[in-house]
Amino acid sequence: MKAIIVMSAVDNVGNAIEDITKGDTVSYTLDGKPHTFTAVDDIPFGFKAAVKDIASGGDILKYKEVIGKAAKAIRAGECVHIHNVEGKRGRGDISEGKA
């Protein structure tokens, strides 16, 4: 079984602490409770993995902070990286509060 780190119950992503291969069972502990999911993609060490389904346009939450938005729907177990995440900060084409 492979492992990731998830810091908060509101987070929808966690960080891989080892290389994860598509099909691996992945585990993390949150508030003393074990959780598992199956990796949908290869997830390299240090990359983010979705621990919950994230709707297209939905916020990506890590450490209780919004770090971007989903450029498309992301399933639990998918690698979360530049291919499916858009930035929200410092974008002149997005009005504040309308992202």
PDB file of N, CA and C in Angstrom:
ATOM      1  N   MET A   1       0.843  -1.177   0.000  1.00  0.00           N
ATOM      2  CA  MET A   1       0.000   0.000   0.000  1.00  0.00           C
ATOM      3  C   MET A   1       0.884   1.235   0.000  1.00  0.00           C
ATOM      4  N   LYS A   2       0.494   2.238  -0.779  1.00  0.00           N
ATOM      5  CA  LYS A   2       1.242   3.491  -0.883  1.00  0.00           C
ATOM      6  C   LYS A   2       0.610   4.534   0.039  1.00  0.00           C
ATOM      7  N   ALA A   3       1.320   5.662   0.255  1.00  0.00           N
ATOM      8  CA  ALA A   3       0.817   6.654   1.210  1.00  0.00           C
ATOM      9  C   ALA A   3       0.926   8.074   0.670  1.00  0.00           C
ATOM     10  N   ILE A   4      -0.021   8.895   1.132  1.00  0.00           N
ATOM     11  CA  ILE A   4       0.014  10.335   0.895  1.00  0.00           C
ATOM     12  C   ILE A   4      -0.213  11.034   2.234  1.00  0.00           C
ATOM     13  N   ILE A   5       0.023  12.338   2.250  1.00  0.00           N
ATOM     14  CA  ILE A   5      -0.237  13.147   3.442  1.00  0.00           C
ATOM     15  C   ILE A   5      -1.370  14.119   3.123  1.00  0.00           C
ATOM     16  N   VAL A   6      -2.399  14.117   3.957  1.00  0.00           N
ATOM     17  CA  VAL A   6      -3.505  15.061   3.871  1.00  0.00           C
ATOM     18  C   VAL A   6      -3.557  15.760   5.220  1.00  0.00           C
ATOM     19  N   MET A   7      -3.562  17.094   5.210  1.00  0.00           N
ATOM     20  CA  MET A   7      -3.437  17.845   6.460  1.00  0.00           C
ATOM     21  C   MET A   7      -4.761  18.250   7.101  1.00  0.00           C
ATOM     22  N   SER A   8      -5.836  18.354   6.335  1.00  0.00           N
ATOM     23  CA  SER A   8      -7.101  18.855   6.881  1.00  0.00           C
ATOM     24  C   SER A   8      -8.283  18.138   6.242  1.00  0.00           C
ATOM     25  N   ALA A   9      -9.350  18.008   6.994  1.00  0.00           N
ATOM     26  CA  ALA A   9     -10.562  17.364   6.476  1.00  0.00           C
ATOM     27  C   ALA A   9     -11.188  18.161   5.342  1.00  0.00           C
ATOM     28  N   VAL A  10     -10.898  19.455   5.238  1.00  0.00           N
ATOM     29  CA  VAL A  10     -11.448  20.249   4.134  1.00  0.00           C
ATOM     30  C   VAL A  10     -10.624  20.103   2.858  1.00  0.00           C
ATOM     31  N   ASP A  11      -9.400  19.613   2.969  1.00  0.00           N
ATOM     32  CA  ASP A  11      -8.544  19.433   1.796  1.00  0.00           C
ATOM     33  C   ASP A  11      -9.153  18.395   0.849  1.00  0.00           C
ATOM     34  N   ASN A  12      -9.007  18.639  -0.445  1.00  0.00           N
ATOM     35  CA  ASN A  12      -9.438  17.629  -1.418  1.00  0.00           C
ATOM     36  C   ASN A  12      -8.264  17.052  -2.189  1.00  0.00           C
ATOM     37  N   VAL A  13      -7.041  17.412  -1.782  1.00  0.00           N
ATOM     38  CA  VAL A  13      -5.823  16.818  -2.327  1.00  0.00           C
ATOM     39  C   VAL A  13      -4.846  16.525  -1.195  1.00  0.00           C
ATOM     40  N   GLY A  14      -3.937  15.602  -1.466  1.00  0.00           N
ATOM     41  CA  GLY A  14      -2.839  15.299  -0.552  1.00  0.00           C
ATOM     42  C   GLY A  14      -1.576  15.120  -1.360  1.00  0.00           C
ATOM     43  N   ASN A  15      -0.431  15.101  -0.681  1.00  0.00           N
ATOM     44  CA  ASN A  15       0.862  14.961  -1.350  1.00  0.00           C
ATOM     45  C   ASN A  15       1.395  13.540  -1.243  1.00  0.00           C
ATOM     46  N   ALA A  16       1.846  13.034  -2.386  1.00  0.00           N
ATOM     47  CA  ALA A  16       2.453  11.702  -2.420  1.00  0.00           C
ATOM     48  C   ALA A  16       3.803  11.743  -1.724  1.00  0.00           C
ATOM     49  N   ILE A  17       4.028  10.812  -0.810  1.00  0.00           N
ATOM     50  CA  ILE A  17       5.318  10.737  -0.115  1.00  0.00           C
ATOM     51  C   ILE A  17       6.191   9.622  -0.687  1.00  0.00           C
ATOM     52  N   GLU A  18       5.712   9.054  -1.783  1.00  0.00           N
ATOM     53  CA  GLU A  18       6.474   8.061  -2.551  1.00  0.00           C
ATOM     54  C   GLU A  18       5.821   7.978  -3.928  1.00  0.00           C
ATOM     55  N   ASP A  19       6.520   7.418  -4.883  1.00  0.00           N
ATOM     56  CA  ASP A  19       5.931   7.233  -6.208  1.00  0.00           C
ATOM     57  C   ASP A  19       4.744   6.281  -6.103  1.00  0.00           C
ATOM     58  N   ILE A  20       3.654   6.635  -6.762  1.00  0.00           N
ATOM     59  CA  ILE A  20       2.437   5.826  -6.771  1.00  0.00           C
ATOM     60  C   ILE A  20       2.151   5.440  -8.215  1.00  0.00           C
ATOM     61  N   THR A  21       1.806   4.185  -8.423  1.00  0.00           N
ATOM     62  CA  THR A  21       1.503   3.669  -9.750  1.00  0.00           C
ATOM     63  C   THR A  21      -0.004   3.480  -9.904  1.00  0.00           C
ATOM     64  N   LYS A  22      -0.500   3.793 -11.097  1.00  0.00           N
ATOM     65  CA  LYS A  22      -1.921   3.593 -11.398  1.00  0.00           C
ATOM     66  C   LYS A  22      -2.351   2.207 -10.919  1.00  0.00           C
ATOM     67  N   GLY A  23      -3.463   2.154 -10.189  1.00  0.00           N
ATOM     68  CA  GLY A  23      -3.981   0.887  -9.671  1.00  0.00           C
ATOM     69  C   GLY A  23      -3.570   0.587  -8.238  1.00  0.00           C
ATOM     70  N   ASP A  24      -2.554   1.306  -7.729  1.00  0.00           N
ATOM     71  CA  ASP A  24      -2.137   1.107  -6.340  1.00  0.00           C
ATOM     72  C   ASP A  24      -3.240   1.531  -5.375  1.00  0.00           C
ATOM     73  N   THR A  25      -3.332   0.842  -4.255  1.00  0.00           N
ATOM     74  CA  THR A  25      -4.173   1.296  -3.151  1.00  0.00           C
ATOM     75  C   THR A  25      -3.355   2.317  -2.383  1.00  0.00           C
ATOM     76  N   VAL A  26      -3.960   3.456  -2.109  1.00  0.00           N
ATOM     77  CA  VAL A  26      -3.276   4.569  -1.449  1.00  0.00           C
ATOM     78  C   VAL A  26      -3.988   4.844  -0.135  1.00  0.00           C
ATOM     79  N   SER A  27      -3.198   5.092   0.917  1.00  0.00           N
ATOM     80  CA  SER A  27      -3.795   5.330   2.229  1.00  0.00           C
ATOM     81  C   SER A  27      -3.306   6.642   2.828  1.00  0.00           C
ATOM     82  N   TYR A  28      -4.145   7.187   3.705  1.00  0.00           N
ATOM     83  CA  TYR A  28      -3.771   8.330   4.528  1.00  0.00           C
ATOM     84  C   TYR A  28      -4.614   8.281   5.791  1.00  0.00           C
ATOM     85  N   THR A  29      -4.119   8.917   6.829  1.00  0.00           N
ATOM     86  CA  THR A  29      -4.832   8.994   8.101  1.00  0.00           C
ATOM     87  C   THR A  29      -5.179  10.438   8.358  1.00  0.00           C
ATOM     88  N   LEU A  30      -6.416  10.675   8.729  1.00  0.00           N
ATOM     89  CA  LEU A  30      -6.881  12.025   8.999  1.00  0.00           C
ATOM     90  C   LEU A  30      -7.735  11.986  10.257  1.00  0.00           C
ATOM     91  N   ASP A  31      -7.377  12.807  11.222  1.00  0.00           N
ATOM     92  CA  ASP A  31      -8.084  12.831  12.507  1.00  0.00           C
ATOM     93  C   ASP A  31      -8.168  11.435  13.124  1.00  0.00           C
ATOM     94  N   GLY A  32      -7.090  10.671  12.972  1.00  0.00           N
ATOM     95  CA  GLY A  32      -7.008   9.341  13.563  1.00  0.00           C
ATOM     96  C   GLY A  32      -7.766   8.258  12.821  1.00  0.00           C
ATOM     97  N   LYS A  33      -8.379   8.595  11.703  1.00  0.00           N
ATOM     98  CA  LYS A  33      -9.159   7.619  10.938  1.00  0.00           C
ATOM     99  C   LYS A  33      -8.456   7.286   9.628  1.00  0.00           C
ATOM    100  N   PRO A  34      -8.348   5.989   9.313  1.00  0.00           N
ATOM    101  CA  PRO A  34      -7.707   5.593   8.057  1.00  0.00           C
ATOM    102  C   PRO A  34      -8.641   5.777   6.868  1.00  0.00           C
ATOM    103  N   HIS A  35      -8.067   6.176   5.731  1.00  0.00           N
ATOM    104  CA  HIS A  35      -8.795   6.338   4.476  1.00  0.00           C
ATOM    105  C   HIS A  35      -7.977   5.690   3.372  1.00  0.00           C
ATOM    106  N   THR A  36      -8.655   5.167   2.359  1.00  0.00           N
ATOM    107  CA  THR A  36      -7.957   4.599   1.199  1.00  0.00           C
ATOM    108  C   THR A  36      -8.693   4.962  -0.082  1.00  0.00           C
ATOM    109  N   PHE A  37      -7.955   4.937  -1.184  1.00  0.00           N
ATOM    110  CA  PHE A  37      -8.521   5.079  -2.519  1.00  0.00           C
ATOM    111  C   PHE A  37      -7.596   4.366  -3.484  1.00  0.00           C
ATOM    112  N   THR A  38      -8.058   4.172  -4.690  1.00  0.00           N
ATOM    113  CA  THR A  38      -7.247   3.549  -5.733  1.00  0.00           C
ATOM    114  C   THR A  38      -6.727   4.631  -6.662  1.00  0.00           C
ATOM    115  N   ALA A  39      -5.429   4.598  -6.944  1.00  0.00           N
ATOM    116  CA  ALA A  39      -4.817   5.580  -7.840  1.00  0.00           C
ATOM    117  C   ALA A  39      -5.333   5.370  -9.259  1.00  0.00           C
ATOM    118  N   VAL A  40      -5.832   6.441  -9.861  1.00  0.00           N
ATOM    119  CA  VAL A  40      -6.348   6.416 -11.227  1.00  0.00           C
ATOM    120  C   VAL A  40      -5.219   6.692 -12.219  1.00  0.00           C
ATOM    121  N   ASP A  41      -4.182   7.392 -11.751  1.00  0.00           N
ATOM    122  CA  ASP A  41      -3.021   7.773 -12.558  1.00  0.00           C
ATOM    123  C   ASP A  41      -1.747   7.389 -11.815  1.00  0.00           C
ATOM    124  N   ASP A  42      -0.629   7.426 -12.530  1.00  0.00           N
ATOM    125  CA  ASP A  42       0.663   7.428 -11.862  1.00  0.00           C
ATOM    126  C   ASP A  42       0.795   8.787 -11.174  1.00  0.00           C
ATOM    127  N   ILE A  43       1.257   8.786  -9.939  1.00  0.00           N
ATOM    128  CA  ILE A  43       1.420  10.026  -9.179  1.00  0.00           C
ATOM    129  C   ILE A  43       2.849  10.031  -8.631  1.00  0.00           C
ATOM    130  N   PRO A  44       3.729  10.852  -9.214  1.00  0.00           N
ATOM    131  CA  PRO A  44       5.117  10.878  -8.757  1.00  0.00           C
ATOM    132  C   PRO A  44       5.252  11.439  -7.337  1.00  0.00           C
ATOM    133  N   PHE A  45       6.331  11.073  -6.686  1.00  0.00           N
ATOM    134  CA  PHE A  45       6.663  11.607  -5.361  1.00  0.00           C
ATOM    135  C   PHE A  45       6.538  13.130  -5.365  1.00  0.00           C
ATOM    136  N   GLY A  46       5.856  13.687  -4.362  1.00  0.00           N
ATOM    137  CA  GLY A  46       5.723  15.125  -4.214  1.00  0.00           C
ATOM    138  C   GLY A  46       4.553  15.734  -4.961  1.00  0.00           C
ATOM    139  N   PHE A  47       3.966  15.007  -5.900  1.00  0.00           N
ATOM    140  CA  PHE A  47       2.811  15.514  -6.637  1.00  0.00           C
ATOM    141  C   PHE A  47       1.547  15.351  -5.794  1.00  0.00           C
ATOM    142  N   LYS A  48       0.498  16.043  -6.192  1.00  0.00           N
ATOM    143  CA  LYS A  48      -0.765  15.986  -5.480  1.00  0.00           C
ATOM    144  C   LYS A  48      -1.672  14.915  -6.082  1.00  0.00           C
ATOM    145  N   ALA A  49      -2.478  14.297  -5.196  1.00  0.00           N
ATOM    146  CA  ALA A  49      -3.492  13.340  -5.599  1.00  0.00           C
ATOM    147  C   ALA A  49      -4.830  13.811  -5.051  1.00  0.00           C
ATOM    148  N   ALA A  50      -5.883  13.700  -5.855  1.00  0.00           N
ATOM    149  CA  ALA A  50      -7.226  14.041  -5.381  1.00  0.00           C
ATOM    150  C   ALA A  50      -7.706  12.947  -4.426  1.00  0.00           C
ATOM    151  N   VAL A  51      -8.215  13.364  -3.273  1.00  0.00           N
ATOM    152  CA  VAL A  51      -8.766  12.409  -2.314  1.00  0.00           C
ATOM    153  C   VAL A  51     -10.290  12.420  -2.339  1.00  0.00           C
ATOM    154  N   LYS A  52     -10.850  13.366  -3.077  1.00  0.00           N
ATOM    155  CA  LYS A  52     -12.293  13.485  -3.277  1.00  0.00           C
ATOM    156  C   LYS A  52     -12.506  13.890  -4.722  1.00  0.00           C
ATOM    157  N   ASP A  53     -13.686  13.609  -5.253  1.00  0.00           N
ATOM    158  CA  ASP A  53     -14.023  14.117  -6.579  1.00  0.00           C
ATOM    159  C   ASP A  53     -14.098  15.642  -6.504  1.00  0.00           C
ATOM    160  N   ILE A  54     -13.595  16.306  -7.537  1.00  0.00           N
ATOM    161  CA  ILE A  54     -13.600  17.767  -7.612  1.00  0.00           C
ATOM    162  C   ILE A  54     -14.273  18.152  -8.927  1.00  0.00           C
ATOM    163  N   ALA A  55     -15.332  18.935  -8.834  1.00  0.00           N
ATOM    164  CA  ALA A  55     -16.072  19.352 -10.029  1.00  0.00           C
ATOM    165  C   ALA A  55     -15.250  20.324 -10.863  1.00  0.00           C
ATOM    166  N   SER A  56     -15.495  20.345 -12.156  1.00  0.00           N
ATOM    167  CA  SER A  56     -14.847  21.325 -13.023  1.00  0.00           C
ATOM    168  C   SER A  56     -15.142  22.719 -12.494  1.00  0.00           C
ATOM    169  N   GLY A  57     -14.103  23.530 -12.341  1.00  0.00           N
ATOM    170  CA  GLY A  57     -14.245  24.875 -11.795  1.00  0.00           C
ATOM    171  C   GLY A  57     -14.195  24.927 -10.282  1.00  0.00           C
ATOM    172  N   GLY A  58     -14.190  23.764  -9.644  1.00  0.00           N
ATOM    173  CA  GLY A  58     -14.156  23.703  -8.184  1.00  0.00           C
ATOM    174  C   GLY A  58     -12.790  24.070  -7.635  1.00  0.00           C
ATOM    175  N   ASP A  59     -12.778  24.543  -6.402  1.00  0.00           N
ATOM    176  CA  ASP A  59     -11.524  24.909  -5.751  1.00  0.00           C
ATOM    177  C   ASP A  59     -10.687  23.679  -5.426  1.00  0.00           C
ATOM    178  N   ILE A  60      -9.371  23.809  -5.603  1.00  0.00           N
ATOM    179  CA  ILE A  60      -8.407  22.810  -5.155  1.00  0.00           C
ATOM    180  C   ILE A  60      -7.936  23.285  -3.787  1.00  0.00           C
ATOM    181  N   LEU A  61      -8.136  22.456  -2.764  1.00  0.00           N
ATOM    182  CA  LEU A  61      -7.815  22.837  -1.384  1.00  0.00           C
ATOM    183  C   LEU A  61      -6.693  21.982  -0.820  1.00  0.00           C
ATOM    184  N   LYS A  62      -5.649  22.652  -0.346  1.00  0.00           N
ATOM    185  CA  LYS A  62      -4.501  21.997   0.283  1.00  0.00           C
ATOM    186  C   LYS A  62      -4.113  22.852   1.485  1.00  0.00           C
ATOM    187  N   TYR A  63      -3.923  22.228   2.636  1.00  0.00           N
ATOM    188  CA  TYR A  63      -3.614  22.953   3.880  1.00  0.00           C
ATOM    189  C   TYR A  63      -4.696  23.981   4.199  1.00  0.00           C
ATOM    190  N   LYS A  64      -5.958  23.652   3.903  1.00  0.00           N
ATOM    191  CA  LYS A  64      -7.125  24.519   4.118  1.00  0.00           C
ATOM    192  C   LYS A  64      -7.105  25.777   3.253  1.00  0.00           C
ATOM    193  N   GLU A  65      -6.256  25.827   2.259  1.00  0.00           N
ATOM    194  CA  GLU A  65      -6.115  27.006   1.397  1.00  0.00           C
ATOM    195  C   GLU A  65      -6.454  26.648  -0.047  1.00  0.00           C
ATOM    196  N   VAL A  66      -7.070  27.586  -0.747  1.00  0.00           N
ATOM    197  CA  VAL A  66      -7.331  27.403  -2.168  1.00  0.00           C
ATOM    198  C   VAL A  66      -6.019  27.610  -2.918  1.00  0.00           C
ATOM    199  N   ILE A  67      -5.595  26.602  -3.662  1.00  0.00           N
ATOM    200  CA  ILE A  67      -4.338  26.705  -4.412  1.00  0.00           C
ATOM    201  C   ILE A  67      -4.572  26.771  -5.919  1.00  0.00           C
ATOM    202  N   GLY A  68      -5.833  26.712  -6.330  1.00  0.00           N
ATOM    203  CA  GLY A  68      -6.184  26.777  -7.743  1.00  0.00           C
ATOM    204  C   GLY A  68      -7.603  26.294  -7.926  1.00  0.00           C
ATOM    205  N   LYS A  69      -7.979  26.124  -9.205  1.00  0.00           N
ATOM    206  CA  LYS A  69      -9.298  25.568  -9.494  1.00  0.00           C
ATOM    207  C   LYS A  69      -9.159  24.473 -10.535  1.00  0.00           C
ATOM    208  N   ALA A  70     -10.100  23.554 -10.492  1.00  0.00           N
ATOM    209  CA  ALA A  70     -10.070  22.426 -11.421  1.00  0.00           C
ATOM    210  C   ALA A  70     -10.410  22.902 -12.829  1.00  0.00           C
ATOM    211  N   ALA A  71      -9.509  22.651 -13.771  1.00  0.00           N
ATOM    212  CA  ALA A  71      -9.733  23.016 -15.173  1.00  0.00           C
ATOM    213  C   ALA A  71     -10.725  22.063 -15.831  1.00  0.00           C
ATOM    214  N   LYS A  72     -10.931  20.916 -15.213  1.00  0.00           N
ATOM    215  CA  LYS A  72     -11.901  19.916 -15.662  1.00  0.00           C
ATOM    216  C   LYS A  72     -12.255  19.083 -14.440  1.00  0.00           C
ATOM    217  N   ALA A  73     -13.265  18.258 -14.533  1.00  0.00           N
ATOM    218  CA  ALA A  73     -13.621  17.387 -13.416  1.00  0.00           C
ATOM    219  C   ALA A  73     -12.441  16.472 -13.095  1.00  0.00           C
ATOM    220  N   ILE A  74     -12.168  16.311 -11.800  1.00  0.00           N
ATOM    221  CA  ILE A  74     -11.057  15.474 -11.338  1.00  0.00           C
ATOM    222  C   ILE A  74     -11.646  14.414 -10.414  1.00  0.00           C
ATOM    223  N   ARG A  75     -11.352  13.157 -10.703  1.00  0.00           N
ATOM    224  CA  ARG A  75     -11.847  12.057  -9.871  1.00  0.00           C
ATOM    225  C   ARG A  75     -10.888  11.777  -8.719  1.00  0.00           C
ATOM    226  N   ALA A  76     -11.421  11.305  -7.616  1.00  0.00           N
ATOM    227  CA  ALA A  76     -10.570  10.850  -6.518  1.00  0.00           C
ATOM    228  C   ALA A  76      -9.588   9.824  -7.078  1.00  0.00           C
ATOM    229  N   GLY A  77      -8.323   9.967  -6.720  1.00  0.00           N
ATOM    230  CA  GLY A  77      -7.289   9.054  -7.206  1.00  0.00           C
ATOM    231  C   GLY A  77      -6.501   9.570  -8.387  1.00  0.00           C
ATOM    232  N   GLU A  78      -6.943  10.687  -8.979  1.00  0.00           N
ATOM    233  CA  GLU A  78      -6.210  11.273 -10.103  1.00  0.00           C
ATOM    234  C   GLU A  78      -5.053  12.132  -9.620  1.00  0.00           C
ATOM    235  N   CYS A  79      -4.026  12.218 -10.441  1.00  0.00           N
ATOM    236  CA  CYS A  79      -2.930  13.146 -10.214  1.00  0.00           C
ATOM    237  C   CYS A  79      -3.459  14.556 -10.463  1.00  0.00           C
ATOM    238  N   VAL A  80      -3.144  15.479  -9.562  1.00  0.00           N
ATOM    239  CA  VAL A  80      -3.588  16.870  -9.677  1.00  0.00           C
ATOM    240  C   VAL A  80      -2.344  17.702  -9.959  1.00  0.00           C
ATOM    241  N   HIS A  81      -2.282  18.234 -11.184  1.00  0.00           N
ATOM    242  CA  HIS A  81      -1.084  18.971 -11.610  1.00  0.00           C
ATOM    243  C   HIS A  81      -1.491  19.957 -12.712  1.00  0.00           C
ATOM    244  N   ILE A  82      -0.536  20.490 -13.423  1.00  0.00           N
ATOM    245  CA  ILE A  82      -0.800  21.562 -14.386  1.00  0.00           C
ATOM    246  C   ILE A  82      -1.747  21.171 -15.516  1.00  0.00           C
ATOM    247  N   HIS A  83      -1.928  19.890 -15.769  1.00  0.00           N
ATOM    248  CA  HIS A  83      -2.824  19.454 -16.845  1.00  0.00           C
ATOM    249  C   HIS A  83      -4.303  19.561 -16.471  1.00  0.00           C
ATOM    250  N   ASN A  84      -4.610  19.693 -15.171  1.00  0.00           N
ATOM    251  CA  ASN A  84      -6.011  19.767 -14.771  1.00  0.00           C
ATOM    252  C   ASN A  84      -6.295  20.836 -13.699  1.00  0.00           C
ATOM    253  N   VAL A  85      -5.340  21.761 -13.509  1.00  0.00           N
ATOM    254  CA  VAL A  85      -5.492  22.839 -12.532  1.00  0.00           C
ATOM    255  C   VAL A  85      -5.187  24.178 -13.202  1.00  0.00           C
ATOM    256  N   GLU A  86      -5.988  25.188 -12.863  1.00  0.00           N
ATOM    257  CA  GLU A  86      -5.727  26.556 -13.298  1.00  0.00           C
ATOM    258  C   GLU A  86      -5.484  27.410 -12.062  1.00  0.00           C
ATOM    259  N   GLY A  87      -4.591  28.390 -12.193  1.00  0.00           N
ATOM    260  CA  GLY A  87      -4.360  29.331 -11.109  1.00  0.00           C
ATOM    261  C   GLY A  87      -5.512  30.309 -10.988  1.00  0.00           C
ATOM    262  N   LYS A  88      -5.680  30.860  -9.790  1.00  0.00           N
ATOM    263  CA  LYS A  88      -6.728  31.859  -9.558  1.00  0.00           C
ATOM    264  C   LYS A  88      -6.150  33.192  -9.101  1.00  0.00           C
ATOM    265  N   ARG A  89      -4.937  33.186  -8.601  1.00  0.00           N
ATOM    266  CA  ARG A  89      -4.343  34.395  -8.054  1.00  0.00           C
ATOM    267  C   ARG A  89      -3.687  35.226  -9.141  1.00  0.00           C
ATOM    268  N   GLY A  90      -3.827  36.541  -9.033  1.00  0.00           N
ATOM    269  CA  GLY A  90      -3.130  37.444  -9.926  1.00  0.00           C
ATOM    270  C   GLY A  90      -3.617  37.414 -11.359  1.00  0.00           C
ATOM    271  N   ARG A  91      -4.807  36.916 -11.581  1.00  0.00           N
ATOM    272  CA  ARG A  91      -5.344  36.839 -12.946  1.00  0.00           C
ATOM    273  C   ARG A  91      -6.193  38.058 -13.215  1.00  0.00           C
ATOM    274  N   GLY A  92      -5.766  38.886 -14.145  1.00  0.00           N
ATOM    275  CA  GLY A  92      -6.496  40.087 -14.504  1.00  0.00           C
ATOM    276  C   GLY A  92      -7.770  39.805 -15.272  1.00  0.00           C
ATOM    277  N   ASP A  93      -7.909  38.573 -15.786  1.00  0.00           N
ATOM    278  CA  ASP A  93      -9.108  38.250 -16.559  1.00  0.00           C
ATOM    279  C   ASP A  93     -10.236  37.689 -15.712  1.00  0.00           C
ATOM    280  N   ILE A  94     -10.014  37.573 -14.408  1.00  0.00           N
ATOM    281  CA  ILE A  94     -11.048  37.075 -13.509  1.00  0.00           C
ATOM    282  C   ILE A  94     -11.349  38.155 -12.475  1.00  0.00           C
ATOM    283  N   SER A  95     -12.599  38.561 -12.379  1.00  0.00           N
ATOM    284  CA  SER A  95     -12.992  39.551 -11.384  1.00  0.00           C
ATOM    285  C   SER A  95     -12.975  38.925 -10.000  1.00  0.00           C
ATOM    286  N   GLU A  96     -12.572  39.675  -9.017  1.00  0.00           N
ATOM    287  CA  GLU A  96     -12.544  39.209  -7.634  1.00  0.00           C
ATOM    288  C   GLU A  96     -13.908  38.681  -7.233  1.00  0.00           C
ATOM    289  N   GLY A  97     -13.924  37.480  -6.660  1.00  0.00           N
ATOM    290  CA  GLY A  97     -15.167  36.881  -6.199  1.00  0.00           C
ATOM    291  C   GLY A  97     -15.993  36.196  -7.269  1.00  0.00           C
ATOM    292  N   LYS A  98     -15.505  36.188  -8.520  1.00  0.00           N
ATOM    293  CA  LYS A  98     -16.270  35.568  -9.607  1.00  0.00           C
ATOM    294  C   LYS A  98     -15.498  34.412 -10.246  1.00  0.00           C
ATOM    295  N   ALA A  99     -14.448  33.935  -9.596  1.00  0.00           N
ATOM    296  CA  ALA A  99     -13.605  32.893 -10.173  1.00  0.00           C
ATOM    297  C   ALA A  99     -14.230  31.545 -10.136  1.00  0.00           C
TER     298      ALA A  99
END
